[in-house]
Amino acid sequence: MLYLNIFHKQIRLIRSKEKHIPQVISFQLLNINGNTFRTYPKSVIVYRADRMPIKIDIDGFEVQLFEKMYDYVRNSNLSNYPDEEVDVSAFSEDNAEVSLPKVLVRKINLYENVDFLLGMPHEKQIAEYGYEFPETIELNGIEYTQVNFGEDEISYLKNEALDEPVHTLIYRTVKITNGVYLYVYPSDTEIFENEKEVQEVADEINCT
C-alpha cells in the first residue's frame, strides 16, 4: 500500500500486489480554488472542475477518477451495441409509419457489457505504460475501482456508481416485416443521466 498524506487528509492507494512497500510522502498545499488542489513536491496532483474527473498523478502517471457512471461514460460510443428488431405495431392501429416512434429509450447497465473491464486495464494500456496500476484506490475514505471502456486513459470509478444505469436513444431505420422495424444505436451516441431527461427528448423527436 502507498500512503499519501495531504494536510492530514489521507489518500490510500491499495496495490494489487503485496510487493509494494508502504511509504508516506508529505505534500505542501500551494493554493485552493474551490475543489482545486495543488501539491508540492509534484508527486500527486488533484484537481476538479464541474462534472470533470478528478485527476491524480501517481508515480508520474496521470489517472482520472469519476464520481458518477454518467460522467465516466457520457462521451463514449455505444454503436457497438447490437441493433434491435422491435415490434412497434402497438403504437399504431393502422400501422402507419408516421405514427410509429422514430426513437425508443434504452437503459444501459454498463457492467453487463463484456467490453467494460473492471479491476484491470485494457491490454493496450499495459503495453503503453508498462506499469501495473492498482485494481482499487481509496481517496478520503471513498473507494474507486479501475474501469476501462476502450479509453486510452487510466480511469477509476467510484464503487457506489458501478451499477448506476445511463440512458440513450435507439433510432428506427428499415422495416423488417409488417410492424417490425430495425432500431440502431447511432455512431454519435447521446447519453443521458436519467430516464426523465431522455424521455423528454424522445417525446420531442417522436412528435416532430
N, C-alpha and C. Protein backbone atom coordinates (compact mmCIF):
# COMPACT_ATOMS: atom_id res chain seq x y z
N MET A 1 0.84 -1.20 0.00
CA MET A 1 0.00 0.00 0.00
C MET A 1 0.88 1.25 0.00
N LEU A 2 0.44 2.25 -0.70
CA LEU A 2 1.15 3.51 -0.74
C LEU A 2 0.28 4.56 -0.09
N TYR A 3 0.78 5.17 0.99
CA TYR A 3 0.00 6.17 1.72
C TYR A 3 0.49 7.56 1.37
N LEU A 4 -0.42 8.40 0.95
CA LEU A 4 -0.08 9.77 0.60
C LEU A 4 -0.84 10.68 1.55
N ASN A 5 -0.12 11.50 2.30
CA ASN A 5 -0.75 12.35 3.30
C ASN A 5 -0.78 13.79 2.82
N ILE A 6 -1.96 14.37 2.63
CA ILE A 6 -2.10 15.74 2.17
C ILE A 6 -2.81 16.53 3.27
N PHE A 7 -2.03 17.26 4.07
CA PHE A 7 -2.58 18.09 5.13
C PHE A 7 -3.60 17.32 5.98
N HIS A 8 -3.18 16.19 6.49
CA HIS A 8 -3.99 15.36 7.38
C HIS A 8 -5.15 14.68 6.67
N LYS A 9 -5.26 14.83 5.35
CA LYS A 9 -6.25 14.08 4.58
C LYS A 9 -5.50 12.97 3.87
N GLN A 10 -5.82 11.76 4.22
CA GLN A 10 -5.02 10.64 3.75
C GLN A 10 -5.62 10.03 2.49
N ILE A 11 -4.76 9.78 1.49
CA ILE A 11 -5.13 9.03 0.31
C ILE A 11 -4.47 7.67 0.44
N ARG A 12 -5.27 6.61 0.38
CA ARG A 12 -4.69 5.27 0.48
C ARG A 12 -4.83 4.58 -0.88
N LEU A 13 -3.72 4.21 -1.46
CA LEU A 13 -3.71 3.50 -2.71
C LEU A 13 -3.49 2.03 -2.42
N ILE A 14 -4.49 1.21 -2.72
CA ILE A 14 -4.42 -0.21 -2.41
C ILE A 14 -3.79 -0.93 -3.60
N ARG A 15 -2.59 -1.37 -3.45
CA ARG A 15 -1.91 -2.07 -4.52
C ARG A 15 -2.42 -3.49 -4.63
N SER A 16 -2.46 -4.01 -5.85
CA SER A 16 -2.95 -5.36 -6.06
C SER A 16 -1.90 -6.41 -5.74
N LYS A 17 -0.64 -6.01 -5.56
CA LYS A 17 0.41 -6.96 -5.23
C LYS A 17 1.07 -6.55 -3.92
N GLU A 18 1.43 -7.55 -3.13
CA GLU A 18 1.96 -7.30 -1.79
C GLU A 18 3.39 -6.77 -1.82
N LYS A 19 4.06 -6.85 -2.97
CA LYS A 19 5.47 -6.47 -3.02
C LYS A 19 5.68 -4.97 -2.87
N HIS A 20 4.60 -4.18 -3.03
CA HIS A 20 4.75 -2.74 -2.90
C HIS A 20 4.98 -2.37 -1.43
N ILE A 21 5.95 -1.54 -1.17
CA ILE A 21 6.33 -1.17 0.19
C ILE A 21 5.59 0.09 0.61
N PRO A 22 4.92 0.09 1.78
CA PRO A 22 4.22 1.30 2.23
C PRO A 22 5.18 2.47 2.38
N GLN A 23 4.73 3.63 1.94
CA GLN A 23 5.52 4.84 2.07
C GLN A 23 4.60 5.97 2.51
N VAL A 24 5.18 6.99 3.10
CA VAL A 24 4.43 8.19 3.45
C VAL A 24 5.16 9.38 2.85
N ILE A 25 4.43 10.17 2.06
CA ILE A 25 5.01 11.35 1.43
C ILE A 25 4.22 12.56 1.88
N SER A 26 4.90 13.60 2.32
CA SER A 26 4.21 14.82 2.76
C SER A 26 4.15 15.80 1.61
N PHE A 27 3.04 16.53 1.55
CA PHE A 27 2.81 17.47 0.46
C PHE A 27 2.54 18.86 1.01
N GLN A 28 3.00 19.86 0.29
CA GLN A 28 2.75 21.24 0.64
C GLN A 28 1.63 21.76 -0.24
N LEU A 29 0.57 22.29 0.37
CA LEU A 29 -0.56 22.83 -0.38
C LEU A 29 -0.21 24.23 -0.86
N LEU A 30 -0.22 24.41 -2.17
CA LEU A 30 0.16 25.70 -2.74
C LEU A 30 -1.02 26.67 -2.84
N ASN A 31 -2.17 26.17 -3.26
CA ASN A 31 -3.34 27.03 -3.32
C ASN A 31 -4.60 26.19 -3.35
N ILE A 32 -5.71 26.82 -2.99
CA ILE A 32 -7.03 26.17 -3.03
C ILE A 32 -7.94 27.06 -3.85
N ASN A 33 -8.60 26.46 -4.83
CA ASN A 33 -9.54 27.20 -5.66
C ASN A 33 -10.78 26.34 -5.83
N GLY A 34 -11.73 26.50 -4.91
CA GLY A 34 -12.90 25.62 -4.93
C GLY A 34 -12.46 24.21 -4.62
N ASN A 35 -12.64 23.31 -5.57
CA ASN A 35 -12.23 21.93 -5.40
C ASN A 35 -10.87 21.65 -6.02
N THR A 36 -10.10 22.68 -6.23
CA THR A 36 -8.79 22.52 -6.86
C THR A 36 -7.70 22.43 -5.80
N PHE A 37 -6.86 21.39 -5.92
CA PHE A 37 -5.75 21.20 -5.00
C PHE A 37 -4.46 21.07 -5.80
N ARG A 38 -3.43 21.69 -5.35
CA ARG A 38 -2.12 21.50 -5.95
C ARG A 38 -1.14 21.22 -4.81
N THR A 39 -0.20 20.32 -5.07
CA THR A 39 0.72 19.91 -4.02
C THR A 39 2.15 20.02 -4.49
N TYR A 40 3.07 20.11 -3.54
CA TYR A 40 4.50 20.17 -3.85
C TYR A 40 5.25 19.37 -2.78
N PRO A 41 6.13 18.46 -3.14
CA PRO A 41 6.61 18.19 -4.49
C PRO A 41 5.55 17.55 -5.38
N LYS A 42 5.79 17.56 -6.68
CA LYS A 42 4.78 17.13 -7.65
C LYS A 42 4.77 15.60 -7.76
N SER A 43 4.24 14.95 -6.75
CA SER A 43 4.07 13.50 -6.83
C SER A 43 2.60 13.16 -7.01
N VAL A 44 1.72 13.98 -6.47
CA VAL A 44 0.28 13.77 -6.66
C VAL A 44 -0.36 15.11 -6.90
N ILE A 45 -1.18 15.22 -7.93
CA ILE A 45 -1.94 16.44 -8.19
C ILE A 45 -3.41 16.07 -8.23
N VAL A 46 -4.23 16.78 -7.51
CA VAL A 46 -5.67 16.54 -7.54
C VAL A 46 -6.37 17.83 -7.89
N TYR A 47 -7.20 17.82 -8.92
CA TYR A 47 -8.00 18.99 -9.23
C TYR A 47 -9.36 18.56 -9.75
N ARG A 48 -10.32 19.43 -9.64
CA ARG A 48 -11.68 19.07 -10.00
C ARG A 48 -12.40 20.26 -10.62
N ALA A 49 -13.02 20.08 -11.74
CA ALA A 49 -13.89 21.07 -12.35
C ALA A 49 -15.30 20.49 -12.39
N ASP A 50 -16.27 21.30 -12.75
CA ASP A 50 -17.66 20.87 -12.75
C ASP A 50 -17.84 19.67 -13.67
N ARG A 51 -18.26 18.54 -13.10
CA ARG A 51 -18.55 17.30 -13.81
C ARG A 51 -17.35 16.75 -14.57
N MET A 52 -16.18 17.22 -14.23
CA MET A 52 -14.98 16.68 -14.83
C MET A 52 -14.34 15.71 -13.84
N PRO A 53 -13.54 14.76 -14.34
CA PRO A 53 -12.92 13.81 -13.42
C PRO A 53 -11.89 14.45 -12.53
N ILE A 54 -11.69 13.84 -11.36
CA ILE A 54 -10.55 14.19 -10.52
C ILE A 54 -9.31 13.63 -11.20
N LYS A 55 -8.27 14.43 -11.29
CA LYS A 55 -7.03 13.97 -11.90
C LYS A 55 -5.98 13.76 -10.82
N ILE A 56 -5.36 12.61 -10.83
CA ILE A 56 -4.31 12.30 -9.86
C ILE A 56 -3.08 11.81 -10.61
N ASP A 57 -1.95 12.36 -10.28
CA ASP A 57 -0.68 11.94 -10.87
C ASP A 57 0.01 11.04 -9.86
N ILE A 58 0.18 9.77 -10.23
CA ILE A 58 0.80 8.78 -9.34
C ILE A 58 2.06 8.25 -10.00
N ASP A 59 3.17 8.42 -9.32
CA ASP A 59 4.44 7.91 -9.82
C ASP A 59 4.70 8.38 -11.25
N GLY A 60 4.27 9.59 -11.57
CA GLY A 60 4.50 10.14 -12.90
C GLY A 60 3.43 9.80 -13.91
N PHE A 61 2.41 9.02 -13.51
CA PHE A 61 1.32 8.67 -14.42
C PHE A 61 0.04 9.37 -13.98
N GLU A 62 -0.65 9.98 -14.92
CA GLU A 62 -1.91 10.65 -14.60
C GLU A 62 -3.07 9.67 -14.74
N VAL A 63 -3.91 9.60 -13.73
CA VAL A 63 -5.11 8.78 -13.78
C VAL A 63 -6.30 9.68 -13.48
N GLN A 64 -7.48 9.24 -13.90
CA GLN A 64 -8.68 10.03 -13.69
C GLN A 64 -9.69 9.25 -12.86
N LEU A 65 -10.33 9.97 -11.94
CA LEU A 65 -11.31 9.39 -11.03
C LEU A 65 -12.67 10.00 -11.32
N PHE A 66 -13.70 9.15 -11.42
CA PHE A 66 -15.06 9.59 -11.70
C PHE A 66 -15.97 9.26 -10.53
N GLU A 67 -16.87 10.19 -10.22
CA GLU A 67 -17.82 10.00 -9.13
C GLU A 67 -19.11 9.32 -9.60
N LYS A 68 -19.48 9.55 -10.85
CA LYS A 68 -20.75 9.05 -11.38
C LYS A 68 -20.51 8.28 -12.67
N MET A 69 -21.34 7.26 -12.89
CA MET A 69 -21.23 6.49 -14.13
C MET A 69 -21.47 7.38 -15.34
N TYR A 70 -22.43 8.29 -15.24
CA TYR A 70 -22.74 9.17 -16.38
C TYR A 70 -21.51 10.00 -16.75
N ASP A 71 -20.83 10.54 -15.76
CA ASP A 71 -19.66 11.36 -16.04
C ASP A 71 -18.57 10.54 -16.74
N TYR A 72 -18.46 9.27 -16.36
CA TYR A 72 -17.46 8.40 -16.96
C TYR A 72 -17.79 8.04 -18.40
N VAL A 73 -19.05 7.75 -18.68
CA VAL A 73 -19.43 7.16 -19.96
C VAL A 73 -20.06 8.14 -20.93
N ARG A 74 -20.27 9.38 -20.52
CA ARG A 74 -21.09 10.29 -21.34
C ARG A 74 -20.49 10.60 -22.71
N ASN A 75 -19.18 10.47 -22.87
CA ASN A 75 -18.57 10.71 -24.17
C ASN A 75 -18.23 9.42 -24.92
N SER A 76 -18.77 8.31 -24.43
CA SER A 76 -18.48 7.02 -25.05
C SER A 76 -19.38 6.79 -26.27
N ASN A 77 -18.99 5.82 -27.06
CA ASN A 77 -19.75 5.43 -28.25
C ASN A 77 -20.39 4.08 -27.99
N LEU A 78 -21.72 4.01 -28.12
CA LEU A 78 -22.43 2.76 -27.86
C LEU A 78 -22.88 2.08 -29.15
N SER A 79 -22.29 2.50 -30.28
CA SER A 79 -22.73 1.95 -31.56
C SER A 79 -22.37 0.48 -31.72
N ASN A 80 -21.53 -0.05 -30.82
CA ASN A 80 -21.22 -1.48 -30.88
C ASN A 80 -22.32 -2.33 -30.26
N TYR A 81 -23.30 -1.70 -29.63
CA TYR A 81 -24.44 -2.45 -29.12
C TYR A 81 -25.24 -3.00 -30.30
N PRO A 82 -25.78 -4.21 -30.19
CA PRO A 82 -26.48 -4.82 -31.33
C PRO A 82 -27.76 -4.08 -31.70
N ASP A 83 -28.04 -4.04 -33.01
CA ASP A 83 -29.29 -3.48 -33.49
C ASP A 83 -30.46 -4.32 -32.94
N GLU A 84 -31.61 -3.71 -32.87
CA GLU A 84 -32.78 -4.40 -32.31
C GLU A 84 -33.93 -4.43 -33.31
N GLU A 85 -34.51 -5.60 -33.48
CA GLU A 85 -35.73 -5.72 -34.25
C GLU A 85 -36.90 -5.57 -33.28
N VAL A 86 -37.67 -4.50 -33.44
CA VAL A 86 -38.68 -4.13 -32.47
C VAL A 86 -40.06 -4.14 -33.12
N ASP A 87 -40.99 -4.84 -32.47
CA ASP A 87 -42.39 -4.83 -32.92
C ASP A 87 -43.05 -3.58 -32.34
N VAL A 88 -43.32 -2.61 -33.20
CA VAL A 88 -43.90 -1.35 -32.75
C VAL A 88 -45.34 -1.19 -33.21
N SER A 89 -45.95 -2.30 -33.61
CA SER A 89 -47.32 -2.24 -34.12
C SER A 89 -48.30 -1.73 -33.08
N ALA A 90 -47.98 -1.91 -31.81
CA ALA A 90 -48.89 -1.46 -30.76
C ALA A 90 -49.00 0.06 -30.70
N PHE A 91 -48.07 0.76 -31.33
CA PHE A 91 -48.09 2.23 -31.30
C PHE A 91 -49.08 2.81 -32.31
N SER A 92 -49.57 1.98 -33.23
CA SER A 92 -50.48 2.49 -34.26
C SER A 92 -51.45 1.39 -34.68
N GLU A 93 -52.73 1.72 -34.65
CA GLU A 93 -53.74 0.72 -35.01
C GLU A 93 -53.64 0.33 -36.48
N ASP A 94 -53.37 1.31 -37.35
CA ASP A 94 -53.28 1.01 -38.78
C ASP A 94 -51.84 0.77 -39.24
N ASN A 95 -50.91 0.76 -38.26
CA ASN A 95 -49.51 0.51 -38.55
C ASN A 95 -48.92 1.53 -39.51
N ALA A 96 -49.49 2.73 -39.51
CA ALA A 96 -48.96 3.79 -40.37
C ALA A 96 -47.59 4.22 -39.85
N GLU A 97 -46.62 4.28 -40.75
CA GLU A 97 -45.25 4.56 -40.33
C GLU A 97 -45.12 5.91 -39.66
N VAL A 98 -45.94 6.87 -40.08
CA VAL A 98 -45.87 8.20 -39.50
C VAL A 98 -46.24 8.20 -38.02
N SER A 99 -46.98 7.17 -37.59
CA SER A 99 -47.41 7.08 -36.19
C SER A 99 -46.45 6.28 -35.33
N LEU A 100 -45.46 5.69 -35.95
CA LEU A 100 -44.53 4.84 -35.21
C LEU A 100 -43.40 5.68 -34.63
N PRO A 101 -42.89 5.29 -33.47
CA PRO A 101 -41.83 6.09 -32.83
C PRO A 101 -40.54 6.10 -33.65
N LYS A 102 -40.00 7.29 -33.81
CA LYS A 102 -38.72 7.42 -34.50
C LYS A 102 -37.57 6.95 -33.61
N VAL A 103 -37.75 7.13 -32.31
CA VAL A 103 -36.72 6.70 -31.36
C VAL A 103 -37.38 5.98 -30.19
N LEU A 104 -36.59 5.13 -29.55
CA LEU A 104 -37.02 4.44 -28.33
C LEU A 104 -35.94 4.64 -27.27
N VAL A 105 -36.36 4.67 -26.02
CA VAL A 105 -35.44 4.85 -24.90
C VAL A 105 -34.87 3.49 -24.49
N ARG A 106 -33.59 3.47 -24.21
CA ARG A 106 -32.95 2.27 -23.72
C ARG A 106 -32.11 2.60 -22.48
N LYS A 107 -32.24 1.74 -21.46
CA LYS A 107 -31.42 1.86 -20.25
C LYS A 107 -30.18 1.00 -20.43
N ILE A 108 -29.04 1.57 -20.11
CA ILE A 108 -27.77 0.86 -20.28
C ILE A 108 -27.13 0.61 -18.92
N ASN A 109 -26.92 -0.67 -18.61
CA ASN A 109 -26.14 -1.06 -17.43
C ASN A 109 -24.77 -1.50 -17.95
N LEU A 110 -23.80 -0.62 -17.81
CA LEU A 110 -22.51 -0.87 -18.46
C LEU A 110 -21.83 -2.12 -17.92
N TYR A 111 -22.09 -2.48 -16.66
CA TYR A 111 -21.42 -3.64 -16.10
C TYR A 111 -21.84 -4.94 -16.79
N GLU A 112 -22.92 -4.89 -17.57
CA GLU A 112 -23.36 -6.07 -18.31
C GLU A 112 -22.64 -6.22 -19.65
N ASN A 113 -21.89 -5.19 -20.03
CA ASN A 113 -21.19 -5.20 -21.32
C ASN A 113 -19.83 -5.88 -21.16
N VAL A 114 -19.56 -6.85 -22.02
CA VAL A 114 -18.31 -7.60 -21.91
C VAL A 114 -17.09 -6.73 -22.22
N ASP A 115 -17.30 -5.61 -22.89
CA ASP A 115 -16.19 -4.71 -23.20
C ASP A 115 -15.87 -3.75 -22.05
N PHE A 116 -16.68 -3.78 -21.02
CA PHE A 116 -16.46 -2.93 -19.85
C PHE A 116 -15.60 -3.71 -18.87
N LEU A 117 -14.36 -3.29 -18.71
CA LEU A 117 -13.41 -4.01 -17.88
C LEU A 117 -13.39 -3.45 -16.47
N LEU A 118 -13.46 -4.33 -15.48
CA LEU A 118 -13.43 -3.93 -14.08
C LEU A 118 -12.17 -4.47 -13.42
N GLY A 119 -11.46 -3.58 -12.72
CA GLY A 119 -10.30 -4.01 -11.95
C GLY A 119 -9.10 -4.38 -12.78
N MET A 120 -9.12 -4.06 -14.07
CA MET A 120 -7.99 -4.40 -14.92
C MET A 120 -7.95 -3.42 -16.09
N PRO A 121 -6.75 -3.08 -16.55
CA PRO A 121 -6.63 -2.16 -17.68
C PRO A 121 -6.79 -2.89 -19.00
N HIS A 122 -7.07 -2.13 -20.04
CA HIS A 122 -7.05 -2.69 -21.38
C HIS A 122 -5.61 -3.06 -21.71
N GLU A 123 -5.42 -4.12 -22.52
CA GLU A 123 -4.07 -4.60 -22.82
C GLU A 123 -3.20 -3.52 -23.46
N LYS A 124 -3.83 -2.59 -24.22
CA LYS A 124 -3.03 -1.54 -24.85
C LYS A 124 -2.46 -0.58 -23.80
N GLN A 125 -3.16 -0.46 -22.65
CA GLN A 125 -2.63 0.39 -21.59
C GLN A 125 -1.38 -0.22 -20.99
N ILE A 126 -1.41 -1.51 -20.79
CA ILE A 126 -0.25 -2.20 -20.22
C ILE A 126 0.95 -2.04 -21.16
N ALA A 127 0.70 -2.18 -22.46
CA ALA A 127 1.78 -2.05 -23.43
C ALA A 127 2.31 -0.63 -23.45
N GLU A 128 1.43 0.35 -23.30
CA GLU A 128 1.85 1.75 -23.38
C GLU A 128 2.57 2.20 -22.11
N TYR A 129 2.00 1.86 -20.95
CA TYR A 129 2.54 2.38 -19.70
C TYR A 129 3.61 1.47 -19.09
N GLY A 130 3.52 0.17 -19.35
CA GLY A 130 4.46 -0.75 -18.75
C GLY A 130 4.42 -0.71 -17.24
N TYR A 131 3.24 -0.50 -16.70
CA TYR A 131 3.08 -0.28 -15.26
C TYR A 131 1.75 -0.88 -14.84
N GLU A 132 1.76 -1.65 -13.77
CA GLU A 132 0.52 -2.26 -13.29
C GLU A 132 -0.14 -1.37 -12.25
N PHE A 133 -1.26 -0.79 -12.61
CA PHE A 133 -1.97 0.10 -11.69
C PHE A 133 -2.82 -0.72 -10.73
N PRO A 134 -3.05 -0.21 -9.53
CA PRO A 134 -3.85 -0.96 -8.54
C PRO A 134 -5.28 -1.17 -9.02
N GLU A 135 -5.87 -2.28 -8.62
CA GLU A 135 -7.25 -2.56 -9.00
C GLU A 135 -8.21 -1.56 -8.36
N THR A 136 -7.91 -1.18 -7.12
CA THR A 136 -8.75 -0.23 -6.41
C THR A 136 -7.87 0.80 -5.72
N ILE A 137 -8.41 1.99 -5.54
CA ILE A 137 -7.74 3.02 -4.75
C ILE A 137 -8.78 3.62 -3.81
N GLU A 138 -8.30 4.20 -2.74
CA GLU A 138 -9.18 4.83 -1.77
C GLU A 138 -8.74 6.28 -1.57
N LEU A 139 -9.65 7.20 -1.78
CA LEU A 139 -9.37 8.62 -1.67
C LEU A 139 -10.32 9.24 -0.65
N ASN A 140 -9.76 9.73 0.46
CA ASN A 140 -10.58 10.34 1.51
C ASN A 140 -11.74 9.44 1.95
N GLY A 141 -11.45 8.15 2.10
CA GLY A 141 -12.45 7.21 2.58
C GLY A 141 -13.39 6.69 1.51
N ILE A 142 -13.22 7.11 0.26
CA ILE A 142 -14.08 6.66 -0.84
C ILE A 142 -13.27 5.72 -1.73
N GLU A 143 -13.81 4.55 -2.00
CA GLU A 143 -13.09 3.57 -2.79
C GLU A 143 -13.51 3.63 -4.25
N TYR A 144 -12.52 3.52 -5.12
CA TYR A 144 -12.72 3.54 -6.56
C TYR A 144 -12.13 2.27 -7.16
N THR A 145 -12.77 1.78 -8.24
CA THR A 145 -12.28 0.60 -8.93
C THR A 145 -11.83 0.98 -10.33
N GLN A 146 -10.72 0.38 -10.76
CA GLN A 146 -10.24 0.68 -12.11
C GLN A 146 -11.24 0.15 -13.15
N VAL A 147 -11.56 0.98 -14.13
CA VAL A 147 -12.50 0.61 -15.18
C VAL A 147 -11.90 0.98 -16.53
N ASN A 148 -12.40 0.32 -17.57
CA ASN A 148 -11.99 0.68 -18.92
C ASN A 148 -13.08 0.29 -19.90
N PHE A 149 -13.43 1.25 -20.76
CA PHE A 149 -14.43 1.00 -21.80
C PHE A 149 -13.85 1.44 -23.14
N GLY A 150 -12.58 1.14 -23.32
CA GLY A 150 -11.92 1.42 -24.58
C GLY A 150 -11.07 2.67 -24.60
N GLU A 151 -11.10 3.45 -23.51
CA GLU A 151 -10.32 4.69 -23.49
C GLU A 151 -8.84 4.39 -23.27
N ASP A 152 -8.00 5.32 -23.70
CA ASP A 152 -6.56 5.18 -23.51
C ASP A 152 -6.12 5.55 -22.10
N GLU A 153 -6.88 6.44 -21.46
CA GLU A 153 -6.52 6.91 -20.13
C GLU A 153 -6.73 5.82 -19.08
N ILE A 154 -6.06 5.99 -17.94
CA ILE A 154 -6.29 5.11 -16.80
C ILE A 154 -7.44 5.73 -15.99
N SER A 155 -8.51 4.97 -15.83
CA SER A 155 -9.73 5.50 -15.21
C SER A 155 -10.13 4.68 -13.99
N TYR A 156 -10.68 5.39 -13.00
CA TYR A 156 -11.24 4.75 -11.82
C TYR A 156 -12.64 5.33 -11.60
N LEU A 157 -13.56 4.46 -11.22
CA LEU A 157 -14.95 4.86 -10.97
C LEU A 157 -15.31 4.54 -9.53
N LYS A 158 -15.98 5.47 -8.90
CA LYS A 158 -16.44 5.27 -7.52
C LYS A 158 -17.25 3.98 -7.42
N ASN A 159 -16.95 3.15 -6.43
CA ASN A 159 -17.59 1.84 -6.32
C ASN A 159 -19.11 1.93 -6.29
N GLU A 160 -19.62 2.94 -5.60
CA GLU A 160 -21.07 3.07 -5.48
C GLU A 160 -21.73 3.38 -6.82
N ALA A 161 -20.94 3.81 -7.79
CA ALA A 161 -21.51 4.18 -9.10
C ALA A 161 -21.40 3.07 -10.13
N LEU A 162 -20.78 1.95 -9.78
CA LEU A 162 -20.53 0.90 -10.76
C LEU A 162 -21.81 0.33 -11.37
N ASP A 163 -22.90 0.31 -10.60
CA ASP A 163 -24.15 -0.24 -11.13
C ASP A 163 -25.17 0.84 -11.48
N GLU A 164 -24.73 2.09 -11.57
CA GLU A 164 -25.64 3.16 -11.96
C GLU A 164 -25.96 3.04 -13.45
N PRO A 165 -27.24 3.05 -13.84
CA PRO A 165 -27.56 2.99 -15.27
C PRO A 165 -27.45 4.36 -15.93
N VAL A 166 -27.25 4.35 -17.22
CA VAL A 166 -27.38 5.56 -18.03
C VAL A 166 -28.42 5.24 -19.10
N HIS A 167 -28.79 6.24 -19.88
CA HIS A 167 -29.86 6.05 -20.86
C HIS A 167 -29.45 6.62 -22.20
N THR A 168 -30.01 6.06 -23.25
CA THR A 168 -29.74 6.56 -24.59
C THR A 168 -30.96 6.31 -25.47
N LEU A 169 -30.84 6.70 -26.74
CA LEU A 169 -31.92 6.53 -27.70
C LEU A 169 -31.47 5.62 -28.83
N ILE A 170 -32.35 4.73 -29.27
CA ILE A 170 -32.11 3.97 -30.49
C ILE A 170 -33.06 4.49 -31.55
N TYR A 171 -32.62 4.47 -32.81
CA TYR A 171 -33.33 5.13 -33.90
C TYR A 171 -33.89 4.11 -34.90
N ARG A 172 -35.11 4.38 -35.33
CA ARG A 172 -35.78 3.50 -36.30
C ARG A 172 -35.14 3.64 -37.67
N THR A 173 -34.91 2.50 -38.31
CA THR A 173 -34.35 2.53 -39.67
C THR A 173 -35.28 1.76 -40.62
N VAL A 174 -34.86 0.60 -41.07
CA VAL A 174 -35.60 -0.11 -42.11
C VAL A 174 -36.70 -0.99 -41.52
N LYS A 175 -37.69 -1.25 -42.36
CA LYS A 175 -38.78 -2.14 -41.99
C LYS A 175 -38.36 -3.58 -42.24
N ILE A 176 -38.56 -4.44 -41.24
CA ILE A 176 -38.21 -5.86 -41.37
C ILE A 176 -39.41 -6.64 -41.90
N THR A 177 -40.49 -6.58 -41.17
CA THR A 177 -41.76 -7.17 -41.58
C THR A 177 -42.86 -6.21 -41.15
N ASN A 178 -44.08 -6.58 -41.38
CA ASN A 178 -45.19 -5.71 -41.02
C ASN A 178 -45.19 -5.44 -39.51
N GLY A 179 -44.99 -4.19 -39.14
CA GLY A 179 -45.00 -3.80 -37.72
C GLY A 179 -43.67 -3.94 -37.02
N VAL A 180 -42.69 -4.54 -37.69
CA VAL A 180 -41.39 -4.76 -37.07
C VAL A 180 -40.33 -3.94 -37.81
N TYR A 181 -39.59 -3.12 -37.05
CA TYR A 181 -38.57 -2.26 -37.63
C TYR A 181 -37.23 -2.48 -36.93
N LEU A 182 -36.18 -2.14 -37.66
CA LEU A 182 -34.84 -2.25 -37.10
C LEU A 182 -34.49 -0.92 -36.45
N TYR A 183 -34.13 -0.98 -35.16
CA TYR A 183 -33.68 0.20 -34.42
C TYR A 183 -32.20 0.03 -34.11
N VAL A 184 -31.44 1.12 -34.29
CA VAL A 184 -29.99 1.03 -34.14
C VAL A 184 -29.47 2.08 -33.16
N TYR A 185 -28.29 1.79 -32.61
CA TYR A 185 -27.56 2.75 -31.79
C TYR A 185 -26.69 3.57 -32.73
N PRO A 186 -26.89 4.88 -32.80
CA PRO A 186 -26.13 5.69 -33.75
C PRO A 186 -24.66 5.81 -33.36
N SER A 187 -23.83 6.14 -34.34
CA SER A 187 -22.40 6.29 -34.06
C SER A 187 -22.11 7.49 -33.17
N ASP A 188 -22.97 8.51 -33.26
CA ASP A 188 -22.82 9.69 -32.41
C ASP A 188 -23.78 9.59 -31.22
N THR A 189 -23.60 8.54 -30.45
CA THR A 189 -24.49 8.23 -29.34
C THR A 189 -24.62 9.40 -28.38
N GLU A 190 -25.87 9.73 -28.02
CA GLU A 190 -26.10 10.72 -26.98
C GLU A 190 -26.51 9.98 -25.72
N ILE A 191 -25.83 10.26 -24.63
CA ILE A 191 -26.06 9.53 -23.39
C ILE A 191 -26.66 10.48 -22.37
N PHE A 192 -27.65 9.99 -21.63
CA PHE A 192 -28.38 10.79 -20.66
C PHE A 192 -28.22 10.19 -19.27
N GLU A 193 -28.24 11.07 -18.28
CA GLU A 193 -28.02 10.61 -16.91
C GLU A 193 -29.25 9.95 -16.31
N ASN A 194 -30.45 10.46 -16.64
CA ASN A 194 -31.65 9.91 -16.02
C ASN A 194 -32.75 9.68 -17.05
N GLU A 195 -33.70 8.86 -16.68
CA GLU A 195 -34.74 8.44 -17.60
C GLU A 195 -35.68 9.59 -17.96
N LYS A 196 -35.96 10.47 -17.02
CA LYS A 196 -36.87 11.58 -17.29
C LYS A 196 -36.31 12.47 -18.39
N GLU A 197 -35.04 12.76 -18.32
CA GLU A 197 -34.40 13.62 -19.31
C GLU A 197 -34.45 13.00 -20.70
N VAL A 198 -34.10 11.73 -20.80
CA VAL A 198 -34.08 11.09 -22.11
C VAL A 198 -35.48 10.92 -22.66
N GLN A 199 -36.46 10.70 -21.80
CA GLN A 199 -37.84 10.54 -22.26
C GLN A 199 -38.39 11.84 -22.84
N GLU A 200 -38.01 12.95 -22.24
CA GLU A 200 -38.43 14.25 -22.77
C GLU A 200 -37.88 14.47 -24.18
N VAL A 201 -36.62 14.09 -24.38
CA VAL A 201 -36.02 14.22 -25.71
C VAL A 201 -36.71 13.28 -26.69
N ALA A 202 -36.98 12.07 -26.26
CA ALA A 202 -37.65 11.09 -27.14
C ALA A 202 -39.03 11.58 -27.54
N ASP A 203 -39.77 12.12 -26.59
CA ASP A 203 -41.12 12.63 -26.89
C ASP A 203 -41.06 13.75 -27.90
N GLU A 204 -40.07 14.62 -27.76
CA GLU A 204 -39.94 15.75 -28.68
C GLU A 204 -39.63 15.26 -30.09
N ILE A 205 -38.71 14.29 -30.21
CA ILE A 205 -38.36 13.76 -31.52
C ILE A 205 -39.53 13.03 -32.15
N ASN A 206 -40.24 12.25 -31.36
CA ASN A 206 -41.35 11.44 -31.89
C ASN A 206 -42.56 12.29 -32.27
N CYS A 207 -42.62 13.49 -31.75
CA CYS A 207 -43.76 14.37 -32.06
C CYS A 207 -43.50 15.24 -33.28
N THR A 208 -42.29 15.22 -33.80
CA THR A 208 -41.97 16.05 -34.95
C THR A 208 -42.26 15.31 -36.25
